[in-house]
Amino acid sequence: MPSEVIRWRFEDPSDPNPDTRSYEFPINPNTMGSPFPTRNITVQGTTAVDGQLLMWEGMRSPADFTFGGTVLAGTQYEALRSWVYGKNGRLFLFDHYGRRMVVILKAFKPEPKRMTGRFYWRHDYSIDCIVVSITQPTVEDA
């Protein structure tokens, strides 16, 4: 197990500006779905007496993936919003397992929470994306 927290981050390989090429999440997401595709299997029954099924497997479609967490600051809110709606094409998303996913970001869904003097921009959020590909994890158990 790593001794330090591995931060999630976005990278835009097509952005020539090193100041806007990547974004590291100050707070890692605390919820995530599966980034893996569903197998595309078609099943058809037969009229045979023994009732055998015929099955075909087609190409897998990219996975719909949702992750989310908490926003505490306006700068974090704006960064997530601008990455989802201001960047075009495929991006890299690195998670806490060290996997690099090629993603297309679809939606940023902020939900305001009770605001306090200290965390005026407090929101829970989710981000929807499509995972085109994913690498093996680089983080191992101790």
C-alpha atoms as a PDB file:
ATOM      1  CA  MET A   1       0.000   0.000   0.000  1.00  0.00           C
ATOM      2  CA  PRO A   2       1.413   3.412  -0.883  1.00  0.00           C
ATOM      3  CA  SER A   3       2.592   5.602   1.975  1.00  0.00           C
ATOM      4  CA  GLU A   4       1.144   8.735   0.422  1.00  0.00           C
ATOM      5  CA  VAL A   5      -2.225   9.504  -1.123  1.00  0.00           C
ATOM      6  CA  ILE A   6      -2.251   9.152  -4.889  1.00  0.00           C
ATOM      7  CA  ARG A   7      -4.277  12.048  -6.272  1.00  0.00           C
ATOM      8  CA  TRP A   8      -6.665  11.729  -9.166  1.00  0.00           C
ATOM      9  CA  ARG A   9      -5.783  13.966 -12.085  1.00  0.00           C
ATOM     10  CA  PHE A  10      -6.835  14.976 -15.563  1.00  0.00           C
ATOM     11  CA  GLU A  11      -4.342  15.435 -18.396  1.00  0.00           C
ATOM     12  CA  ASP A  12      -5.002  16.884 -21.828  1.00  0.00           C
ATOM     13  CA  PRO A  13      -2.285  15.516 -24.142  1.00  0.00           C
ATOM     14  CA  SER A  14      -3.284  17.968 -26.897  1.00  0.00           C
ATOM     15  CA  ASP A  15      -2.866  21.106 -24.756  1.00  0.00           C
ATOM     16  CA  PRO A  16       0.520  22.753 -25.486  1.00  0.00           C
ATOM     17  CA  ASN A  17       0.291  25.008 -22.405  1.00  0.00           C
ATOM     18  CA  PRO A  18       1.933  23.303 -19.397  1.00  0.00           C
ATOM     19  CA  ASP A  19      -0.137  25.483 -17.012  1.00  0.00           C
ATOM     20  CA  THR A  20      -3.458  24.145 -18.317  1.00  0.00           C
ATOM     21  CA  ARG A  21      -2.374  20.682 -19.482  1.00  0.00           C
ATOM     22  CA  SER A  22      -3.195  18.908 -16.208  1.00  0.00           C
ATOM     23  CA  TYR A  23      -5.384  19.259 -13.139  1.00  0.00           C
ATOM     24  CA  GLU A  24      -4.797  17.424  -9.855  1.00  0.00           C
ATOM     25  CA  PHE A  25      -7.853  16.920  -7.660  1.00  0.00           C
ATOM     26  CA  PRO A  26      -7.325  18.506  -4.218  1.00  0.00           C
ATOM     27  CA  ILE A  27      -9.823  15.989  -2.805  1.00  0.00           C
ATOM     28  CA  ASN A  28     -10.063  12.561  -4.437  1.00  0.00           C
ATOM     29  CA  PRO A  29     -13.524  11.379  -5.461  1.00  0.00           C
ATOM     30  CA  ASN A  30     -15.187   9.177  -2.849  1.00  0.00           C
ATOM     31  CA  THR A  31     -17.570   7.325  -5.165  1.00  0.00           C
ATOM     32  CA  MET A  32     -17.003   5.616  -8.476  1.00  0.00           C
ATOM     33  CA  GLY A  33     -18.678   3.071 -10.679  1.00  0.00           C
ATOM     34  CA  SER A  34     -16.966   0.429 -12.758  1.00  0.00           C
ATOM     35  CA  PRO A  35     -14.769   1.748 -15.585  1.00  0.00           C
ATOM     36  CA  PHE A  36     -14.947  -1.586 -17.422  1.00  0.00           C
ATOM     37  CA  PRO A  37     -17.192  -2.296 -20.417  1.00  0.00           C
ATOM     38  CA  THR A  38     -20.081  -4.731 -20.441  1.00  0.00           C
ATOM     39  CA  ARG A  39     -19.733  -7.724 -22.714  1.00  0.00           C
ATOM     40  CA  ASN A  40     -21.965  -7.554 -25.793  1.00  0.00           C
ATOM     41  CA  ILE A  41     -23.610 -10.985 -25.904  1.00  0.00           C
ATOM     42  CA  THR A  42     -26.640 -11.852 -28.009  1.00  0.00           C
ATOM     43  CA  VAL A  43     -28.620 -14.961 -27.051  1.00  0.00           C
ATOM     44  CA  GLN A  44     -31.170 -16.702 -29.212  1.00  0.00           C
ATOM     45  CA  GLY A  45     -33.244 -19.763 -28.441  1.00  0.00           C
ATOM     46  CA  THR A  46     -33.701 -22.569 -30.922  1.00  0.00           C
ATOM     47  CA  THR A  47     -36.674 -24.696 -31.837  1.00  0.00           C
ATOM     48  CA  ALA A  48     -34.691 -27.876 -31.197  1.00  0.00           C
ATOM     49  CA  VAL A  49     -36.144 -30.397 -28.782  1.00  0.00           C
ATOM     50  CA  ASP A  50     -33.183 -30.065 -26.396  1.00  0.00           C
ATOM     51  CA  GLY A  51     -33.653 -26.263 -26.243  1.00  0.00           C
ATOM     52  CA  GLN A  52     -30.011 -25.284 -26.751  1.00  0.00           C
ATOM     53  CA  LEU A  53     -29.168 -21.576 -26.836  1.00  0.00           C
ATOM     54  CA  LEU A  54     -27.105 -19.920 -29.514  1.00  0.00           C
ATOM     55  CA  MET A  55     -24.809 -17.137 -28.358  1.00  0.00           C
ATOM     56  CA  TRP A  56     -22.742 -14.555 -30.186  1.00  0.00           C
ATOM     57  CA  GLU A  57     -20.353 -12.033 -28.740  1.00  0.00           C
ATOM     58  CA  GLY A  58     -19.828  -8.722 -30.485  1.00  0.00           C
ATOM     59  CA  MET A  59     -17.366  -5.915 -29.928  1.00  0.00           C
ATOM     60  CA  ARG A  60     -17.561  -4.311 -26.505  1.00  0.00           C
ATOM     61  CA  SER A  61     -18.881  -0.776 -26.311  1.00  0.00           C
ATOM     62  CA  PRO A  62     -16.942   1.788 -24.275  1.00  0.00           C
ATOM     63  CA  ALA A  63     -17.993   1.895 -20.612  1.00  0.00           C
ATOM     64  CA  ASP A  64     -20.154   4.622 -19.144  1.00  0.00           C
ATOM     65  CA  PHE A  65     -18.341   5.680 -15.977  1.00  0.00           C
ATOM     66  CA  THR A  66     -19.447   7.972 -13.170  1.00  0.00           C
ATOM     67  CA  PHE A  67     -17.359   9.201 -10.261  1.00  0.00           C
ATOM     68  CA  GLY A  68     -17.969  11.887  -7.684  1.00  0.00           C
ATOM     69  CA  GLY A  69     -17.036  13.510  -4.442  1.00  0.00           C
ATOM     70  CA  THR A  70     -17.016  16.795  -2.588  1.00  0.00           C
ATOM     71  CA  VAL A  71     -16.089  20.309  -3.672  1.00  0.00           C
ATOM     72  CA  LEU A  72     -15.151  22.779  -0.938  1.00  0.00           C
ATOM     73  CA  ALA A  73     -13.703  25.717  -2.888  1.00  0.00           C
ATOM     74  CA  GLY A  74     -14.842  27.827  -5.820  1.00  0.00           C
ATOM     75  CA  THR A  75     -11.563  27.204  -7.637  1.00  0.00           C
ATOM     76  CA  GLN A  76     -12.113  23.436  -7.477  1.00  0.00           C
ATOM     77  CA  TYR A  77     -15.723  23.845  -8.673  1.00  0.00           C
ATOM     78  CA  GLU A  78     -14.644  25.997 -11.623  1.00  0.00           C
ATOM     79  CA  ALA A  79     -11.762  23.674 -12.521  1.00  0.00           C
ATOM     80  CA  LEU A  80     -14.036  20.621 -12.720  1.00  0.00           C
ATOM     81  CA  ARG A  81     -16.672  22.538 -14.676  1.00  0.00           C
ATOM     82  CA  SER A  82     -14.122  23.902 -17.139  1.00  0.00           C
ATOM     83  CA  TRP A  83     -12.482  20.513 -17.695  1.00  0.00           C
ATOM     84  CA  VAL A  84     -15.828  18.895 -18.498  1.00  0.00           C
ATOM     85  CA  TYR A  85     -17.206  21.668 -20.711  1.00  0.00           C
ATOM     86  CA  GLY A  86     -14.086  23.501 -21.872  1.00  0.00           C
ATOM     87  CA  LYS A  87     -11.957  20.616 -23.109  1.00  0.00           C
ATOM     88  CA  ASN A  88     -12.734  18.699 -26.281  1.00  0.00           C
ATOM     89  CA  GLY A  89     -11.817  15.220 -27.319  1.00  0.00           C
ATOM     90  CA  ARG A  90     -10.161  12.460 -25.391  1.00  0.00           C
ATOM     91  CA  LEU A  91      -8.419  13.145 -22.104  1.00  0.00           C
ATOM     92  CA  PHE A  92      -6.437  11.084 -19.637  1.00  0.00           C
ATOM     93  CA  LEU A  93      -7.890  10.413 -16.196  1.00  0.00           C
ATOM     94  CA  PHE A  94      -5.526   8.926 -13.616  1.00  0.00           C
ATOM     95  CA  ASP A  95      -7.100   7.334 -10.526  1.00  0.00           C
ATOM     96  CA  HIS A  96      -5.809   6.323  -7.091  1.00  0.00           C
ATOM     97  CA  TYR A  97      -4.875   2.851  -8.398  1.00  0.00           C
ATOM     98  CA  GLY A  98      -2.451   4.418 -10.873  1.00  0.00           C
ATOM     99  CA  ARG A  99      -4.593   3.440 -13.851  1.00  0.00           C
ATOM    100  CA  ARG A 100      -4.646   5.727 -16.865  1.00  0.00           C
ATOM    101  CA  MET A 101      -8.040   5.910 -18.515  1.00  0.00           C
ATOM    102  CA  VAL A 102      -8.691   7.510 -21.867  1.00  0.00           C
ATOM    103  CA  VAL A 103     -12.015   9.267 -21.317  1.00  0.00           C
ATOM    104  CA  ILE A 104     -14.492  11.600 -22.954  1.00  0.00           C
ATOM    105  CA  LEU A 105     -16.101  13.796 -20.308  1.00  0.00           C
ATOM    106  CA  LYS A 106     -19.881  14.176 -20.716  1.00  0.00           C
ATOM    107  CA  ALA A 107     -21.413  15.933 -17.701  1.00  0.00           C
ATOM    108  CA  PHE A 108     -20.545  17.744 -14.475  1.00  0.00           C
ATOM    109  CA  LYS A 109     -23.413  17.518 -11.974  1.00  0.00           C
ATOM    110  CA  PRO A 110     -22.869  19.699  -8.887  1.00  0.00           C
ATOM    111  CA  GLU A 111     -25.367  19.551  -6.031  1.00  0.00           C
ATOM    112  CA  PRO A 112     -25.145  22.431  -3.544  1.00  0.00           C
ATOM    113  CA  LYS A 113     -24.884  21.497   0.116  1.00  0.00           C
ATOM    114  CA  ARG A 114     -25.463  23.587   3.213  1.00  0.00           C
ATOM    115  CA  MET A 115     -22.989  26.423   2.989  1.00  0.00           C
ATOM    116  CA  THR A 116     -20.958  27.554   5.912  1.00  0.00           C
ATOM    117  CA  GLY A 117     -18.708  30.567   6.369  1.00  0.00           C
ATOM    118  CA  ARG A 118     -15.679  28.372   5.863  1.00  0.00           C
ATOM    119  CA  PHE A 119     -16.915  26.366   2.850  1.00  0.00           C
ATOM    120  CA  TYR A 120     -19.205  28.650   0.891  1.00  0.00           C
ATOM    121  CA  TRP A 121     -18.742  26.607  -2.313  1.00  0.00           C
ATOM    122  CA  ARG A 122     -19.499  23.242  -0.699  1.00  0.00           C
ATOM    123  CA  HIS A 123     -21.075  20.853  -3.216  1.00  0.00           C
ATOM    124  CA  ASP A 124     -21.330  17.152  -3.837  1.00  0.00           C
ATOM    125  CA  TYR A 125     -20.705  16.384  -7.495  1.00  0.00           C
ATOM    126  CA  SER A 126     -20.610  13.621 -10.036  1.00  0.00           C
ATOM    127  CA  ILE A 127     -18.932  13.514 -13.418  1.00  0.00           C
ATOM    128  CA  ASP A 128     -20.154  11.254 -16.211  1.00  0.00           C
ATOM    129  CA  CYS A 129     -17.745  10.078 -18.858  1.00  0.00           C
ATOM    130  CA  ILE A 130     -17.069   7.361 -21.400  1.00  0.00           C
ATOM    131  CA  VAL A 131     -14.003   5.173 -20.857  1.00  0.00           C
ATOM    132  CA  VAL A 132     -12.382   4.356 -24.189  1.00  0.00           C
ATOM    133  CA  SER A 133      -9.480   2.384 -22.691  1.00  0.00           C
ATOM    134  CA  ILE A 134      -7.877   1.656 -19.330  1.00  0.00           C
ATOM    135  CA  THR A 135      -4.419   0.475 -18.274  1.00  0.00           C
ATOM    136  CA  GLN A 136      -3.452  -1.954 -15.550  1.00  0.00           C
ATOM    137  CA  PRO A 137      -3.077  -0.559 -12.001  1.00  0.00           C
ATOM    138  CA  THR A 138       0.390   0.441 -10.858  1.00  0.00           C
ATOM    139  CA  VAL A 139      -0.413   0.366  -7.112  1.00  0.00           C
ATOM    140  CA  GLU A 140       0.008  -2.962  -5.345  1.00  0.00           C
ATOM    141  CA  ASP A 141      -0.778  -4.247  -1.878  1.00  0.00           C
ATOM    142  CA  ALA A 142       2.051  -4.095   0.650  1.00  0.00           C
END
